[in-house]
């Protein structure tokens, strides 16, 4: 009998992309790679010009993070909103937390990922530059994220934000940090979140699901990369009883009182099982949650292969949920209609 564990096949379009990656040789994440992986791919002035070409403007503010240490927030909003005086009321805000396994990534690195589902709405986007492990292990990242959220809520009036329409969003490790931040906000009577958007969130440090064993040496983010991130974040506490729910939200024993939630993941990604389990537990706790499991999709597929049919379908589903959340019936530029024949989802 073969020693190879069975796993869900990759979508054919995505498999072509993976084959190109595999042709470059095996990839193993190491500490020496982190400085490069924390850099922006383009200079900030180029990024700002791209934003201006789409009608947006960025500014930075420095705010107190964990223990009062300074962290930066990027505030992205429509130029027309900034230029109008007194004509625009308070609007919704999306507080974004970037991915990167808690060890790499950049808070300005994924701004183009909001184009097709968010930035045609009248929102203010805030991206937090939380500190990274292993230099800043738990609880620094999640506490930085929470401190930034508290600052945004406290300064809602000057930001033009409606504090009752505050959404938290994150992908991968950012999704786990978003879920952890939402738990802190609930438990500390902090900002009252309207919703949380968790895209392929990294939630469980215990490395004991079927999907972690299936996605081991295949795909993009795999078991080795996940272990590296959790080890950097938690050190010797990883997979022990000494891990808080805010650090690894899959550990939470009570998910009641959390905001309306959107979760998606791929059927062929390392975080699949922990994400599905988290959604099921949200439903059990009476939380309004919508879950999508995209067939054949690997981790990060919508950003790496955005033009694949399954990627367009996933982006359109998030765009539709966002329209319903924000009460805006207008279509989102660039999003395609969902393709039922290629979607495998569970919704509630």
C-alpha atoms as a PDB file:
ATOM      1  CA  UNK A   1       0.000   0.000   0.000  1.00  0.00           C
ATOM      2  CA  UNK A   2       1.254   3.484  -0.820  1.00  0.00           C
ATOM      3  CA  UNK A   3       2.577   5.682   2.008  1.00  0.00           C
ATOM      4  CA  UNK A   4       1.268   8.787   0.222  1.00  0.00           C
ATOM      5  CA  UNK A   5      -1.740  10.302   1.956  1.00  0.00           C
ATOM      6  CA  UNK A   6      -4.792  10.928  -0.203  1.00  0.00           C
ATOM      7  CA  UNK A   7      -5.758  14.557  -0.723  1.00  0.00           C
ATOM      8  CA  UNK A   8      -8.183  16.677  -2.673  1.00  0.00           C
ATOM      9  CA  UNK A   9      -6.855  17.389  -6.202  1.00  0.00           C
ATOM     10  CA  UNK A  10      -5.882  20.880  -7.270  1.00  0.00           C
ATOM     11  CA  UNK A  11      -8.039  22.816  -9.704  1.00  0.00           C
ATOM     12  CA  UNK A  12      -6.542  22.338 -13.227  1.00  0.00           C
ATOM     13  CA  UNK A  13      -5.837  26.061 -13.740  1.00  0.00           C
ATOM     14  CA  UNK A  14      -4.210  26.315 -10.320  1.00  0.00           C
ATOM     15  CA  UNK A  15      -2.259  23.104 -10.856  1.00  0.00           C
ATOM     16  CA  UNK A  16      -0.577  24.688 -13.882  1.00  0.00           C
ATOM     17  CA  UNK A  17       0.621  27.543 -11.681  1.00  0.00           C
ATOM     18  CA  UNK A  18       1.909  25.090  -9.062  1.00  0.00           C
ATOM     19  CA  UNK A  19       3.794  23.133 -11.710  1.00  0.00           C
ATOM     20  CA  UNK A  20       5.629  26.329 -12.679  1.00  0.00           C
ATOM     21  CA  UNK A  21       6.567  26.917  -9.042  1.00  0.00           C
ATOM     22  CA  UNK A  22       7.719  23.341  -8.553  1.00  0.00           C
ATOM     23  CA  UNK A  23       9.965  23.606 -11.607  1.00  0.00           C
ATOM     24  CA  UNK A  24      12.010  26.185  -9.706  1.00  0.00           C
ATOM     25  CA  UNK A  25      12.887  23.622  -7.051  1.00  0.00           C
ATOM     26  CA  UNK A  26      11.772  22.955  -3.478  1.00  0.00           C
ATOM     27  CA  UNK A  27      11.060  25.862  -1.122  1.00  0.00           C
ATOM     28  CA  UNK A  28      11.806  25.757   2.592  1.00  0.00           C
ATOM     29  CA  UNK A  29      11.180  28.858   4.694  1.00  0.00           C
ATOM     30  CA  UNK A  30      14.134  29.859   6.871  1.00  0.00           C
ATOM     31  CA  UNK A  31      14.894  32.746   9.226  1.00  0.00           C
ATOM     32  CA  UNK A  32      17.460  34.084   6.751  1.00  0.00           C
ATOM     33  CA  UNK A  33      14.690  34.696   4.203  1.00  0.00           C
ATOM     34  CA  UNK A  34      12.574  36.881   6.461  1.00  0.00           C
ATOM     35  CA  UNK A  35      14.195  40.306   5.857  1.00  0.00           C
ATOM     36  CA  UNK A  36      13.553  40.054   2.112  1.00  0.00           C
ATOM     37  CA  UNK A  37      10.038  38.678   2.609  1.00  0.00           C
ATOM     38  CA  UNK A  38       9.162  41.665   4.803  1.00  0.00           C
ATOM     39  CA  UNK A  39       9.905  44.199   2.090  1.00  0.00           C
ATOM     40  CA  UNK A  40       7.480  45.823  -0.302  1.00  0.00           C
ATOM     41  CA  UNK A  41       7.755  44.644  -3.900  1.00  0.00           C
ATOM     42  CA  UNK A  42       7.478  48.257  -5.133  1.00  0.00           C
ATOM     43  CA  UNK A  43       8.613  51.595  -3.663  1.00  0.00           C
ATOM     44  CA  UNK A  44       6.012  53.430  -1.618  1.00  0.00           C
ATOM     45  CA  UNK A  45       5.841  56.325  -4.097  1.00  0.00           C
ATOM     46  CA  UNK A  46       4.952  53.875  -6.872  1.00  0.00           C
ATOM     47  CA  UNK A  47       2.307  52.321  -4.644  1.00  0.00           C
ATOM     48  CA  UNK A  48       0.867  55.751  -3.864  1.00  0.00           C
ATOM     49  CA  UNK A  49       0.719  56.635  -7.555  1.00  0.00           C
ATOM     50  CA  UNK A  50      -1.219  53.423  -8.207  1.00  0.00           C
ATOM     51  CA  UNK A  51      -3.648  54.369  -5.463  1.00  0.00           C
ATOM     52  CA  UNK A  52      -4.071  57.886  -6.880  1.00  0.00           C
ATOM     53  CA  UNK A  53      -4.747  56.460 -10.324  1.00  0.00           C
ATOM     54  CA  UNK A  54      -7.656  54.558  -8.772  1.00  0.00           C
ATOM     55  CA  UNK A  55      -8.927  57.629  -6.918  1.00  0.00           C
ATOM     56  CA  UNK A  56      -7.447  56.898  -3.502  1.00  0.00           C
ATOM     57  CA  UNK A  57      -4.955  58.546  -1.216  1.00  0.00           C
ATOM     58  CA  UNK A  58      -2.837  57.101   1.608  1.00  0.00           C
ATOM     59  CA  UNK A  59      -1.570  58.708   4.761  1.00  0.00           C
ATOM     60  CA  UNK A  60       0.205  57.219   7.762  1.00  0.00           C
ATOM     61  CA  UNK A  61      -0.419  57.822  11.433  1.00  0.00           C
ATOM     62  CA  UNK A  62       1.663  56.573  14.340  1.00  0.00           C
ATOM     63  CA  UNK A  63      -0.368  55.277  17.275  1.00  0.00           C
ATOM     64  CA  UNK A  64       0.304  53.416  20.544  1.00  0.00           C
ATOM     65  CA  UNK A  65       0.682  49.665  20.098  1.00  0.00           C
ATOM     66  CA  UNK A  66       1.222  46.956  22.694  1.00  0.00           C
ATOM     67  CA  UNK A  67       2.660  48.408  25.923  1.00  0.00           C
ATOM     68  CA  UNK A  68       2.407  51.866  24.374  1.00  0.00           C
ATOM     69  CA  UNK A  69       5.162  51.261  21.815  1.00  0.00           C
ATOM     70  CA  UNK A  70       4.579  53.095  18.511  1.00  0.00           C
ATOM     71  CA  UNK A  71       3.104  51.297  15.505  1.00  0.00           C
ATOM     72  CA  UNK A  72       1.927  52.692  12.160  1.00  0.00           C
ATOM     73  CA  UNK A  73      -1.480  52.621  10.567  1.00  0.00           C
ATOM     74  CA  UNK A  74      -1.998  53.296   6.852  1.00  0.00           C
ATOM     75  CA  UNK A  75      -5.272  55.074   6.141  1.00  0.00           C
ATOM     76  CA  UNK A  76      -6.537  54.747   2.575  1.00  0.00           C
ATOM     77  CA  UNK A  77      -9.588  56.717   1.479  1.00  0.00           C
ATOM     78  CA  UNK A  78     -11.119  58.221  -1.612  1.00  0.00           C
ATOM     79  CA  UNK A  79      -9.609  61.504  -2.745  1.00  0.00           C
ATOM     80  CA  UNK A  80     -13.093  62.886  -3.399  1.00  0.00           C
ATOM     81  CA  UNK A  81     -14.033  62.179   0.219  1.00  0.00           C
ATOM     82  CA  UNK A  82     -10.977  64.086   1.443  1.00  0.00           C
ATOM     83  CA  UNK A  83     -11.616  67.031  -0.890  1.00  0.00           C
ATOM     84  CA  UNK A  84     -15.288  67.444  -0.072  1.00  0.00           C
ATOM     85  CA  UNK A  85     -16.045  69.605   2.949  1.00  0.00           C
ATOM     86  CA  UNK A  86     -19.128  68.808   4.969  1.00  0.00           C
ATOM     87  CA  UNK A  87     -20.800  66.894   2.151  1.00  0.00           C
ATOM     88  CA  UNK A  88     -19.998  63.393   3.344  1.00  0.00           C
ATOM     89  CA  UNK A  89     -21.121  61.763   6.560  1.00  0.00           C
ATOM     90  CA  UNK A  90     -19.477  59.013   8.528  1.00  0.00           C
ATOM     91  CA  UNK A  91     -18.791  55.853   6.559  1.00  0.00           C
ATOM     92  CA  UNK A  92     -17.862  52.237   7.164  1.00  0.00           C
ATOM     93  CA  UNK A  93     -14.246  51.293   7.850  1.00  0.00           C
ATOM     94  CA  UNK A  94     -12.376  48.078   7.176  1.00  0.00           C
ATOM     95  CA  UNK A  95      -9.470  47.413   9.524  1.00  0.00           C
ATOM     96  CA  UNK A  96      -7.073  45.150   7.615  1.00  0.00           C
ATOM     97  CA  UNK A  97      -4.422  42.801   9.010  1.00  0.00           C
ATOM     98  CA  UNK A  98      -1.876  41.428   6.536  1.00  0.00           C
ATOM     99  CA  UNK A  99      -0.782  37.808   6.242  1.00  0.00           C
ATOM    100  CA  UNK A 100       2.635  36.192   6.333  1.00  0.00           C
ATOM    101  CA  UNK A 101       2.618  33.511   8.996  1.00  0.00           C
ATOM    102  CA  UNK A 102       3.165  36.111  11.747  1.00  0.00           C
ATOM    103  CA  UNK A 103       6.772  36.366  10.514  1.00  0.00           C
ATOM    104  CA  UNK A 104       6.752  38.197   7.158  1.00  0.00           C
ATOM    105  CA  UNK A 105       4.598  40.369   4.923  1.00  0.00           C
ATOM    106  CA  UNK A 106       4.013  44.123   4.823  1.00  0.00           C
ATOM    107  CA  UNK A 107       0.962  46.178   5.757  1.00  0.00           C
ATOM    108  CA  UNK A 108       1.071  47.929   2.358  1.00  0.00           C
ATOM    109  CA  UNK A 109       1.795  44.794   0.370  1.00  0.00           C
ATOM    110  CA  UNK A 110      -1.719  43.673  -0.520  1.00  0.00           C
ATOM    111  CA  UNK A 111      -3.624  46.888  -1.147  1.00  0.00           C
ATOM    112  CA  UNK A 112      -4.458  45.896  -4.722  1.00  0.00           C
ATOM    113  CA  UNK A 113      -6.198  42.825  -3.320  1.00  0.00           C
ATOM    114  CA  UNK A 114      -9.120  45.031  -2.220  1.00  0.00           C
ATOM    115  CA  UNK A 115      -9.954  46.352  -5.698  1.00  0.00           C
ATOM    116  CA  UNK A 116     -12.584  43.871  -6.834  1.00  0.00           C
ATOM    117  CA  UNK A 117     -14.623  43.489  -3.667  1.00  0.00           C
ATOM    118  CA  UNK A 118     -14.179  46.523  -1.411  1.00  0.00           C
ATOM    119  CA  UNK A 119     -12.775  49.746  -2.850  1.00  0.00           C
ATOM    120  CA  UNK A 120     -15.786  50.636  -4.981  1.00  0.00           C
ATOM    121  CA  UNK A 121     -17.731  51.072  -1.748  1.00  0.00           C
ATOM    122  CA  UNK A 122     -17.554  54.305   0.226  1.00  0.00           C
ATOM    123  CA  UNK A 123     -15.250  52.983   2.946  1.00  0.00           C
ATOM    124  CA  UNK A 124     -12.089  53.952   4.742  1.00  0.00           C
ATOM    125  CA  UNK A 125      -9.454  51.213   4.678  1.00  0.00           C
ATOM    126  CA  UNK A 126      -7.013  51.047   7.595  1.00  0.00           C
ATOM    127  CA  UNK A 127      -4.016  48.675   7.477  1.00  0.00           C
ATOM    128  CA  UNK A 128      -2.036  47.988  10.647  1.00  0.00           C
ATOM    129  CA  UNK A 129       1.743  47.566  10.710  1.00  0.00           C
ATOM    130  CA  UNK A 130       1.883  45.100  13.603  1.00  0.00           C
ATOM    131  CA  UNK A 131       5.220  43.797  14.817  1.00  0.00           C
ATOM    132  CA  UNK A 132       6.399  40.384  13.665  1.00  0.00           C
ATOM    133  CA  UNK A 133       7.745  37.225  15.265  1.00  0.00           C
ATOM    134  CA  UNK A 134      10.241  35.895  16.162  1.00  0.00           C
ATOM    135  CA  UNK A 135      11.602  39.281  17.261  1.00  0.00           C
ATOM    136  CA  UNK A 136       8.173  40.116  18.680  1.00  0.00           C
ATOM    137  CA  UNK A 137       6.431  36.861  19.640  1.00  0.00           C
ATOM    138  CA  UNK A 138       2.984  36.409  21.162  1.00  0.00           C
ATOM    139  CA  UNK A 139       1.295  38.552  22.416  1.00  0.00           C
ATOM    140  CA  UNK A 140       2.900  41.442  20.490  1.00  0.00           C
ATOM    141  CA  UNK A 141       1.254  40.888  17.068  1.00  0.00           C
ATOM    142  CA  UNK A 142      -2.321  40.419  18.264  1.00  0.00           C
ATOM    143  CA  UNK A 143      -1.996  43.089  20.969  1.00  0.00           C
ATOM    144  CA  UNK A 144      -0.625  45.538  18.386  1.00  0.00           C
ATOM    145  CA  UNK A 145      -3.615  44.766  16.185  1.00  0.00           C
ATOM    146  CA  UNK A 146      -6.024  45.282  19.070  1.00  0.00           C
ATOM    147  CA  UNK A 147      -4.371  48.542  20.146  1.00  0.00           C
ATOM    148  CA  UNK A 148      -4.631  49.887  16.589  1.00  0.00           C
ATOM    149  CA  UNK A 149      -8.301  48.923  16.438  1.00  0.00           C
ATOM    150  CA  UNK A 150      -8.975  50.703  19.725  1.00  0.00           C
ATOM    151  CA  UNK A 151      -7.275  53.828  18.375  1.00  0.00           C
ATOM    152  CA  UNK A 152      -9.361  53.775  15.190  1.00  0.00           C
ATOM    153  CA  UNK A 153     -12.605  53.433  17.147  1.00  0.00           C
ATOM    154  CA  UNK A 154     -11.599  56.220  19.542  1.00  0.00           C
ATOM    155  CA  UNK A 155     -10.739  58.545  16.632  1.00  0.00           C
ATOM    156  CA  UNK A 156     -13.714  57.619  14.454  1.00  0.00           C
ATOM    157  CA  UNK A 157     -15.020  61.182  14.228  1.00  0.00           C
ATOM    158  CA  UNK A 158     -11.782  62.670  12.913  1.00  0.00           C
ATOM    159  CA  UNK A 159     -11.386  59.759  10.495  1.00  0.00           C
ATOM    160  CA  UNK A 160     -14.926  60.184   9.160  1.00  0.00           C
ATOM    161  CA  UNK A 161     -15.800  56.671  10.304  1.00  0.00           C
ATOM    162  CA  UNK A 162     -19.086  55.431  11.715  1.00  0.00           C
ATOM    163  CA  UNK A 163     -17.997  53.451  14.819  1.00  0.00           C
ATOM    164  CA  UNK A 164     -21.067  51.233  14.405  1.00  0.00           C
ATOM    165  CA  UNK A 165     -19.809  50.134  10.966  1.00  0.00           C
ATOM    166  CA  UNK A 166     -16.339  48.878  11.797  1.00  0.00           C
ATOM    167  CA  UNK A 167     -15.256  45.673  10.019  1.00  0.00           C
ATOM    168  CA  UNK A 168     -12.080  43.692  10.709  1.00  0.00           C
ATOM    169  CA  UNK A 169     -10.492  41.682   7.885  1.00  0.00           C
ATOM    170  CA  UNK A 170      -7.451  39.486   7.404  1.00  0.00           C
ATOM    171  CA  UNK A 171      -6.007  36.781   5.218  1.00  0.00           C
ATOM    172  CA  UNK A 172      -3.950  33.778   6.363  1.00  0.00           C
ATOM    173  CA  UNK A 173      -2.058  34.772   9.521  1.00  0.00           C
ATOM    174  CA  UNK A 174      -3.863  38.100   9.230  1.00  0.00           C
ATOM    175  CA  UNK A 175      -7.137  36.192   9.385  1.00  0.00           C
ATOM    176  CA  UNK A 176      -6.031  34.450  12.565  1.00  0.00           C
ATOM    177  CA  UNK A 177      -4.946  37.771  14.060  1.00  0.00           C
ATOM    178  CA  UNK A 178      -8.285  39.315  13.018  1.00  0.00           C
ATOM    179  CA  UNK A 179     -10.171  36.509  14.778  1.00  0.00           C
ATOM    180  CA  UNK A 180      -7.940  36.890  17.847  1.00  0.00           C
ATOM    181  CA  UNK A 181      -8.470  40.662  17.846  1.00  0.00           C
ATOM    182  CA  UNK A 182     -12.238  40.170  17.616  1.00  0.00           C
ATOM    183  CA  UNK A 183     -12.084  37.873  20.646  1.00  0.00           C
ATOM    184  CA  UNK A 184     -10.124  40.496  22.585  1.00  0.00           C
ATOM    185  CA  UNK A 185     -12.621  43.197  21.588  1.00  0.00           C
ATOM    186  CA  UNK A 186     -15.478  41.027  22.852  1.00  0.00           C
ATOM    187  CA  UNK A 187     -13.792  39.997  26.095  1.00  0.00           C
ATOM    188  CA  UNK A 188     -12.516  43.496  26.960  1.00  0.00           C
ATOM    189  CA  UNK A 189     -15.704  45.324  25.973  1.00  0.00           C
ATOM    190  CA  UNK A 190     -13.671  47.004  23.270  1.00  0.00           C
ATOM    191  CA  UNK A 191     -14.789  48.284  19.858  1.00  0.00           C
ATOM    192  CA  UNK A 192     -18.120  46.854  18.731  1.00  0.00           C
ATOM    193  CA  UNK A 193     -17.353  45.157  15.427  1.00  0.00           C
ATOM    194  CA  UNK A 194     -19.948  45.009  12.683  1.00  0.00           C
ATOM    195  CA  UNK A 195     -18.335  41.987  11.006  1.00  0.00           C
ATOM    196  CA  UNK A 196     -15.153  40.002  10.510  1.00  0.00           C
ATOM    197  CA  UNK A 197     -13.778  38.754   7.202  1.00  0.00           C
ATOM    198  CA  UNK A 198     -11.432  35.783   7.559  1.00  0.00           C
ATOM    199  CA  UNK A 199      -9.841  34.654   4.298  1.00  0.00           C
ATOM    200  CA  UNK A 200      -8.083  31.286   4.730  1.00  0.00           C
ATOM    201  CA  UNK A 201      -7.347  32.147   8.361  1.00  0.00           C
ATOM    202  CA  UNK A 202      -4.456  30.551  10.293  1.00  0.00           C
ATOM    203  CA  UNK A 203      -6.198  29.568  13.527  1.00  0.00           C
ATOM    204  CA  UNK A 204      -4.733  26.422  15.111  1.00  0.00           C
ATOM    205  CA  UNK A 205      -1.176  25.856  16.342  1.00  0.00           C
ATOM    206  CA  UNK A 206      -1.659  22.164  17.175  1.00  0.00           C
ATOM    207  CA  UNK A 207      -0.859  20.730  13.726  1.00  0.00           C
ATOM    208  CA  UNK A 208      -3.214  17.787  14.117  1.00  0.00           C
ATOM    209  CA  UNK A 209      -5.803  18.071  11.320  1.00  0.00           C
ATOM    210  CA  UNK A 210      -6.112  15.939   8.222  1.00  0.00           C
ATOM    211  CA  UNK A 211      -5.496  18.938   5.962  1.00  0.00           C
ATOM    212  CA  UNK A 212      -2.157  19.724   7.629  1.00  0.00           C
ATOM    213  CA  UNK A 213      -1.011  16.177   6.859  1.00  0.00           C
ATOM    214  CA  UNK A 214      -2.362  16.318   3.312  1.00  0.00           C
ATOM    215  CA  UNK A 215      -0.689  19.628   2.441  1.00  0.00           C
ATOM    216  CA  UNK A 216       2.834  18.668   3.476  1.00  0.00           C
ATOM    217  CA  UNK A 217       5.397  19.478   0.793  1.00  0.00           C
ATOM    218  CA  UNK A 218       2.728  20.406  -1.775  1.00  0.00           C
ATOM    219  CA  UNK A 219       0.843  23.561  -2.633  1.00  0.00           C
ATOM    220  CA  UNK A 220       2.055  26.992  -1.580  1.00  0.00           C
ATOM    221  CA  UNK A 221       1.733  27.494   2.173  1.00  0.00           C
ATOM    222  CA  UNK A 222       2.240  23.989   3.539  1.00  0.00           C
ATOM    223  CA  UNK A 223       2.757  22.190   6.839  1.00  0.00           C
ATOM    224  CA  UNK A 224       6.427  23.167   7.112  1.00  0.00           C
ATOM    225  CA  UNK A 225       5.711  26.849   6.622  1.00  0.00           C
ATOM    226  CA  UNK A 226       2.854  26.730   9.105  1.00  0.00           C
ATOM    227  CA  UNK A 227       5.008  25.049  11.745  1.00  0.00           C
ATOM    228  CA  UNK A 228       7.737  27.636  11.184  1.00  0.00           C
ATOM    229  CA  UNK A 229       5.278  30.475  11.780  1.00  0.00           C
ATOM    230  CA  UNK A 230       3.713  28.994  14.892  1.00  0.00           C
ATOM    231  CA  UNK A 231       7.112  28.117  16.343  1.00  0.00           C
ATOM    232  CA  UNK A 232       8.351  31.672  15.808  1.00  0.00           C
ATOM    233  CA  UNK A 233       5.166  33.064  17.322  1.00  0.00           C
ATOM    234  CA  UNK A 234       4.732  30.755  20.324  1.00  0.00           C
ATOM    235  CA  UNK A 235       8.143  29.139  20.868  1.00  0.00           C
ATOM    236  CA  UNK A 236       8.102  26.181  23.249  1.00  0.00           C
ATOM    237  CA  UNK A 237       4.424  26.810  24.048  1.00  0.00           C
ATOM    238  CA  UNK A 238       3.328  25.708  20.558  1.00  0.00           C
ATOM    239  CA  UNK A 239       0.876  22.788  20.697  1.00  0.00           C
ATOM    240  CA  UNK A 240       0.810  22.836  24.514  1.00  0.00           C
ATOM    241  CA  UNK A 241      -1.994  23.838  26.864  1.00  0.00           C
ATOM    242  CA  UNK A 242      -0.293  27.196  27.482  1.00  0.00           C
ATOM    243  CA  UNK A 243      -1.706  28.987  24.415  1.00  0.00           C
ATOM    244  CA  UNK A 244      -4.426  31.632  24.604  1.00  0.00           C
ATOM    245  CA  UNK A 245      -7.462  31.923  22.348  1.00  0.00           C
ATOM    246  CA  UNK A 246      -6.306  35.344  21.155  1.00  0.00           C
ATOM    247  CA  UNK A 247      -3.030  33.764  19.963  1.00  0.00           C
ATOM    248  CA  UNK A 248      -4.673  30.734  18.337  1.00  0.00           C
ATOM    249  CA  UNK A 249      -8.423  31.349  17.973  1.00  0.00           C
ATOM    250  CA  UNK A 250      -9.158  27.657  17.382  1.00  0.00           C
ATOM    251  CA  UNK A 251      -8.417  27.306  21.116  1.00  0.00           C
ATOM    252  CA  UNK A 252     -11.398  29.489  22.084  1.00  0.00           C
ATOM    253  CA  UNK A 253     -13.972  27.586  24.125  1.00  0.00           C
ATOM    254  CA  UNK A 254     -16.691  30.218  23.647  1.00  0.00           C
ATOM    255  CA  UNK A 255     -17.413  31.856  20.286  1.00  0.00           C
ATOM    256  CA  UNK A 256     -20.683  33.469  21.290  1.00  0.00           C
ATOM    257  CA  UNK A 257     -21.065  37.195  20.924  1.00  0.00           C
ATOM    258  CA  UNK A 258     -18.753  37.471  17.917  1.00  0.00           C
ATOM    259  CA  UNK A 259     -19.769  39.600  14.929  1.00  0.00           C
ATOM    260  CA  UNK A 260     -21.186  38.435  11.619  1.00  0.00           C
ATOM    261  CA  UNK A 261     -18.434  36.429   9.917  1.00  0.00           C
ATOM    262  CA  UNK A 262     -17.277  35.537   6.420  1.00  0.00           C
ATOM    263  CA  UNK A 263     -14.837  32.616   6.123  1.00  0.00           C
ATOM    264  CA  UNK A 264     -13.398  31.014   3.038  1.00  0.00           C
ATOM    265  CA  UNK A 265     -10.602  28.590   2.250  1.00  0.00           C
ATOM    266  CA  UNK A 266      -9.539  26.060  -0.378  1.00  0.00           C
ATOM    267  CA  UNK A 267     -10.310  22.360  -0.319  1.00  0.00           C
ATOM    268  CA  UNK A 268      -6.604  21.698  -1.058  1.00  0.00           C
ATOM    269  CA  UNK A 269      -4.982  23.958   1.522  1.00  0.00           C
ATOM    270  CA  UNK A 270      -3.361  23.397   4.888  1.00  0.00           C
ATOM    271  CA  UNK A 271      -5.882  25.489   6.885  1.00  0.00           C
ATOM    272  CA  UNK A 272      -9.037  23.867   5.465  1.00  0.00           C
ATOM    273  CA  UNK A 273     -10.054  21.750   8.433  1.00  0.00           C
ATOM    274  CA  UNK A 274      -9.431  24.342  11.132  1.00  0.00           C
ATOM    275  CA  UNK A 275     -11.396  26.910   9.114  1.00  0.00           C
ATOM    276  CA  UNK A 276     -14.363  24.604   8.567  1.00  0.00           C
ATOM    277  CA  UNK A 277     -14.344  23.636  12.251  1.00  0.00           C
ATOM    278  CA  UNK A 278     -14.252  27.294  13.293  1.00  0.00           C
ATOM    279  CA  UNK A 279     -17.261  28.109  11.100  1.00  0.00           C
ATOM    280  CA  UNK A 280     -19.180  25.152  12.532  1.00  0.00           C
ATOM    281  CA  UNK A 281     -18.442  26.328  16.058  1.00  0.00           C
ATOM    282  CA  UNK A 282     -19.570  29.854  15.186  1.00  0.00           C
ATOM    283  CA  UNK A 283     -22.905  28.447  14.023  1.00  0.00           C
ATOM    284  CA  UNK A 284     -23.167  26.357  17.201  1.00  0.00           C
ATOM    285  CA  UNK A 285     -22.663  29.569  19.197  1.00  0.00           C
ATOM    286  CA  UNK A 286     -25.443  31.344  17.318  1.00  0.00           C
ATOM    287  CA  UNK A 287     -23.177  33.574  15.217  1.00  0.00           C
ATOM    288  CA  UNK A 288     -24.203  34.589  11.689  1.00  0.00           C
ATOM    289  CA  UNK A 289     -21.446  33.029   9.573  1.00  0.00           C
ATOM    290  CA  UNK A 290     -20.966  32.261   5.894  1.00  0.00           C
ATOM    291  CA  UNK A 291     -18.436  29.624   4.835  1.00  0.00           C
ATOM    292  CA  UNK A 292     -17.065  28.833   1.378  1.00  0.00           C
ATOM    293  CA  UNK A 293     -14.711  25.956   0.602  1.00  0.00           C
ATOM    294  CA  UNK A 294     -13.366  26.417  -2.913  1.00  0.00           C
ATOM    295  CA  UNK A 295     -12.746  23.115  -4.701  1.00  0.00           C
ATOM    296  CA  UNK A 296      -9.169  22.446  -5.734  1.00  0.00           C
ATOM    297  CA  UNK A 297      -7.900  25.752  -4.379  1.00  0.00           C
ATOM    298  CA  UNK A 298      -4.555  26.152  -2.620  1.00  0.00           C
ATOM    299  CA  UNK A 299      -3.725  28.807  -0.035  1.00  0.00           C
ATOM    300  CA  UNK A 300      -3.681  32.333  -1.461  1.00  0.00           C
ATOM    301  CA  UNK A 301      -5.065  31.308  -4.851  1.00  0.00           C
ATOM    302  CA  UNK A 302      -7.084  34.487  -5.461  1.00  0.00           C
ATOM    303  CA  UNK A 303      -3.998  36.700  -5.211  1.00  0.00           C
ATOM    304  CA  UNK A 304      -1.564  34.350  -6.963  1.00  0.00           C
ATOM    305  CA  UNK A 305      -3.823  33.311  -9.852  1.00  0.00           C
ATOM    306  CA  UNK A 306      -6.526  36.005  -9.865  1.00  0.00           C
ATOM    307  CA  UNK A 307      -7.735  35.294 -13.395  1.00  0.00           C
ATOM    308  CA  UNK A 308      -8.473  31.595 -12.836  1.00  0.00           C
ATOM    309  CA  UNK A 309     -12.187  30.813 -13.001  1.00  0.00           C
ATOM    310  CA  UNK A 310     -12.286  29.600  -9.390  1.00  0.00           C
ATOM    311  CA  UNK A 311     -10.474  32.750  -8.240  1.00  0.00           C
ATOM    312  CA  UNK A 312     -12.961  35.013  -9.986  1.00  0.00           C
ATOM    313  CA  UNK A 313     -15.810  33.035  -8.439  1.00  0.00           C
ATOM    314  CA  UNK A 314     -14.341  33.330  -4.947  1.00  0.00           C
ATOM    315  CA  UNK A 315     -13.761  37.069  -5.317  1.00  0.00           C
ATOM    316  CA  UNK A 316     -17.306  37.546  -6.604  1.00  0.00           C
ATOM    317  CA  UNK A 317     -18.713  35.681  -3.596  1.00  0.00           C
ATOM    318  CA  UNK A 318     -16.829  37.950  -1.198  1.00  0.00           C
ATOM    319  CA  UNK A 319     -17.960  40.987  -3.201  1.00  0.00           C
ATOM    320  CA  UNK A 320     -21.580  39.855  -2.952  1.00  0.00           C
ATOM    321  CA  UNK A 321     -21.309  39.311   0.817  1.00  0.00           C
ATOM    322  CA  UNK A 322     -19.696  42.739   1.231  1.00  0.00           C
ATOM    323  CA  UNK A 323     -22.513  44.409  -0.731  1.00  0.00           C
ATOM    324  CA  UNK A 324     -25.058  42.739   1.517  1.00  0.00           C
ATOM    325  CA  UNK A 325     -23.099  43.709   4.622  1.00  0.00           C
ATOM    326  CA  UNK A 326     -22.737  47.358   3.654  1.00  0.00           C
ATOM    327  CA  UNK A 327     -26.202  47.633   2.174  1.00  0.00           C
ATOM    328  CA  UNK A 328     -24.860  48.826  -1.173  1.00  0.00           C
ATOM    329  CA  UNK A 329     -26.687  47.301  -4.167  1.00  0.00           C
ATOM    330  CA  UNK A 330     -24.246  48.694  -6.734  1.00  0.00           C
ATOM    331  CA  UNK A 331     -21.992  46.208  -8.545  1.00  0.00           C
ATOM    332  CA  UNK A 332     -18.310  46.033  -7.767  1.00  0.00           C
ATOM    333  CA  UNK A 333     -16.041  46.819 -10.700  1.00  0.00           C
ATOM    334  CA  UNK A 334     -14.214  43.786 -12.059  1.00  0.00           C
ATOM    335  CA  UNK A 335     -16.104  41.142 -10.100  1.00  0.00           C
ATOM    336  CA  UNK A 336     -17.759  38.351 -12.045  1.00  0.00           C
ATOM    337  CA  UNK A 337     -21.011  36.623 -11.312  1.00  0.00           C
ATOM    338  CA  UNK A 338     -20.684  33.450  -9.226  1.00  0.00           C
ATOM    339  CA  UNK A 339     -20.369  30.283 -11.272  1.00  0.00           C
ATOM    340  CA  UNK A 340     -22.445  27.688  -9.494  1.00  0.00           C
ATOM    341  CA  UNK A 341     -21.045  24.763 -11.442  1.00  0.00           C
ATOM    342  CA  UNK A 342     -17.533  25.377 -10.068  1.00  0.00           C
ATOM    343  CA  UNK A 343     -18.387  26.389  -6.495  1.00  0.00           C
ATOM    344  CA  UNK A 344     -18.543  24.096  -3.493  1.00  0.00           C
ATOM    345  CA  UNK A 345     -19.761  26.073  -0.534  1.00  0.00           C
ATOM    346  CA  UNK A 346     -21.624  25.878   2.720  1.00  0.00           C
ATOM    347  CA  UNK A 347     -23.617  28.927   3.731  1.00  0.00           C
ATOM    348  CA  UNK A 348     -25.653  30.017   6.693  1.00  0.00           C
END
